[in-house]
Amino acid sequence: MNEQAEKAGVALVDAFKLVLAAAALLGGMVAYYWYDQQPQVLRVLMVLAGLIAGCVLLYWSAPGRELWDYIQGSRVELRKMVWPTRQETWRTTLVVFVFVLALGVFFFIVDWVLAKGMRYVTGQGA
């Protein structure tokens, strides 16, 4: 019973942190428009301050830490990936363009033949 109450308390605290993070981000954006008479640099700094505050509050929550761990894991997996060479990329791009062109010509011919057939069947092409 005590464990369930503890988990509920943690979830409530994390939800509160997420709400605060969203409020900080939204506050930075609202400040940008609210202080429209201030210099542009100051307004951008307000947005950045809201963004940084929101990210810090997000990181302090359990879902934020899980998201950060996921991002770090994704970066590790991206480093393991074998990227194609420039020559392979150009070859693949060329093959795609050739097939798109061939299919475009094919469908143009099919459309033209069907249009001629319909004109012949309906008698509108005489």
Protein backbone atom coordinates (compact mmCIF):
# COMPACT_ATOMS: atom_id res chain seq x y z
CA MET A 1 0.00 0.00 0.00
CA ASN A 2 2.78 2.40 0.90
CA GLU A 3 4.56 1.61 -2.38
CA GLN A 4 1.48 2.55 -4.42
CA ALA A 5 1.14 5.86 -2.60
CA GLU A 6 4.83 6.53 -3.19
CA LYS A 7 4.50 5.87 -6.94
CA ALA A 8 1.41 8.09 -7.16
CA GLY A 9 3.30 10.87 -5.40
CA VAL A 10 6.21 10.58 -7.81
CA ALA A 11 3.89 10.59 -10.81
CA LEU A 12 2.11 13.67 -9.47
CA VAL A 13 5.43 15.47 -8.93
CA ASP A 14 6.56 14.52 -12.45
CA ALA A 15 3.28 15.76 -13.91
CA PHE A 16 3.73 19.03 -12.05
CA LYS A 17 7.27 19.34 -13.42
CA LEU A 18 6.00 18.73 -16.96
CA VAL A 19 3.32 21.39 -16.53
CA LEU A 20 5.95 23.82 -15.23
CA ALA A 21 8.22 23.01 -18.18
CA ALA A 22 5.40 23.71 -20.64
CA ALA A 23 4.53 26.91 -18.76
CA ALA A 24 8.15 28.09 -18.92
CA LEU A 25 8.29 27.49 -22.67
CA LEU A 26 4.92 29.14 -23.21
CA GLY A 27 5.95 32.02 -20.94
CA GLY A 28 9.01 32.68 -23.09
CA MET A 29 6.89 32.77 -26.22
CA VAL A 30 4.27 35.01 -24.62
CA ALA A 31 6.99 37.36 -23.36
CA TYR A 32 8.29 37.67 -26.92
CA TYR A 33 4.99 39.15 -28.08
CA TRP A 34 4.07 40.92 -24.84
CA TYR A 35 7.24 43.04 -24.87
CA ASP A 36 7.07 43.97 -28.54
CA GLN A 37 8.54 47.43 -27.85
CA GLN A 38 11.76 45.94 -26.46
CA PRO A 39 14.81 45.31 -28.67
CA GLN A 40 14.69 42.14 -30.75
CA VAL A 41 17.75 40.67 -29.02
CA LEU A 42 16.10 40.94 -25.61
CA ARG A 43 12.93 39.33 -26.89
CA VAL A 44 14.84 36.42 -28.39
CA LEU A 45 16.71 36.01 -25.11
CA MET A 46 13.35 35.75 -23.33
CA VAL A 47 12.33 32.92 -25.63
CA LEU A 48 15.68 31.18 -25.13
CA ALA A 49 15.39 31.57 -21.36
CA GLY A 50 11.93 29.97 -21.45
CA LEU A 51 13.25 27.17 -23.66
CA ILE A 52 16.21 26.48 -21.37
CA ALA A 53 14.04 26.61 -18.24
CA GLY A 54 11.55 24.25 -19.86
CA CYS A 55 14.29 21.80 -20.89
CA VAL A 56 15.82 21.83 -17.40
CA LEU A 57 12.44 21.19 -15.77
CA LEU A 58 11.72 18.47 -18.31
CA TYR A 59 15.06 16.78 -17.58
CA TRP A 60 14.33 16.79 -13.83
CA SER A 61 11.20 14.71 -14.39
CA ALA A 62 11.22 10.94 -14.91
CA PRO A 63 9.71 11.14 -18.43
CA GLY A 64 12.30 13.76 -19.32
CA ARG A 65 15.15 11.54 -18.18
CA GLU A 66 13.64 8.65 -20.14
CA LEU A 67 13.44 10.86 -23.23
CA TRP A 68 17.07 11.92 -22.76
CA ASP A 69 18.18 8.28 -22.41
CA TYR A 70 16.26 7.44 -25.60
CA ILE A 71 17.96 10.30 -27.47
CA GLN A 72 21.38 9.16 -26.24
CA GLY A 73 20.61 5.59 -27.31
CA SER A 74 19.53 6.82 -30.73
CA ARG A 75 22.79 8.70 -31.14
CA VAL A 76 24.73 5.54 -30.31
CA GLU A 77 22.74 3.57 -32.89
CA LEU A 78 23.28 6.28 -35.53
CA ARG A 79 27.05 5.95 -35.02
CA LYS A 80 26.77 2.22 -35.70
CA MET A 81 24.96 2.79 -38.97
CA VAL A 82 26.86 2.32 -42.23
CA TRP A 83 26.07 5.23 -44.50
CA PRO A 84 26.24 4.87 -48.30
CA THR A 85 29.13 6.40 -50.18
CA ARG A 86 28.65 9.42 -52.43
CA GLN A 87 28.87 7.18 -55.51
CA GLU A 88 26.20 4.79 -54.18
CA THR A 89 23.93 7.72 -53.38
CA TRP A 90 24.28 9.15 -56.90
CA ARG A 91 23.63 5.75 -58.49
CA THR A 92 20.52 5.20 -56.40
CA THR A 93 19.27 8.70 -57.18
CA LEU A 94 19.84 8.14 -60.89
CA VAL A 95 17.94 4.83 -60.78
CA VAL A 96 15.01 6.52 -59.02
CA PHE A 97 14.89 9.33 -61.61
CA VAL A 98 15.03 6.85 -64.51
CA PHE A 99 12.19 4.78 -63.06
CA VAL A 100 10.07 7.86 -62.38
CA LEU A 101 10.62 9.04 -65.95
CA ALA A 102 9.82 5.58 -67.35
CA LEU A 103 6.64 5.29 -65.29
CA GLY A 104 5.63 8.81 -66.27
CA VAL A 105 5.98 7.94 -69.97
CA PHE A 106 4.19 4.62 -69.45
CA PHE A 107 1.21 6.21 -67.72
CA PHE A 108 1.08 9.00 -70.32
CA ILE A 109 0.84 6.38 -73.08
CA VAL A 110 -1.79 4.36 -71.19
CA ASP A 111 -3.83 7.51 -70.57
CA TRP A 112 -3.54 8.56 -74.21
CA VAL A 113 -4.62 5.10 -75.46
CA LEU A 114 -7.56 4.97 -73.06
CA ALA A 115 -8.63 8.51 -74.03
CA LYS A 116 -8.51 7.59 -77.73
CA GLY A 117 -10.47 4.40 -77.01
CA MET A 118 -13.13 6.31 -75.09
CA ARG A 119 -13.45 8.86 -77.87
CA TYR A 120 -13.85 6.04 -80.39
CA VAL A 121 -16.42 4.22 -78.24
CA THR A 122 -18.45 7.35 -77.49
CA GLY A 123 -18.12 8.80 -80.98
CA GLN A 124 -16.77 12.16 -79.80
CA GLY A 125 -13.48 11.94 -81.65
CA ALA A 126 -14.85 11.86 -85.23
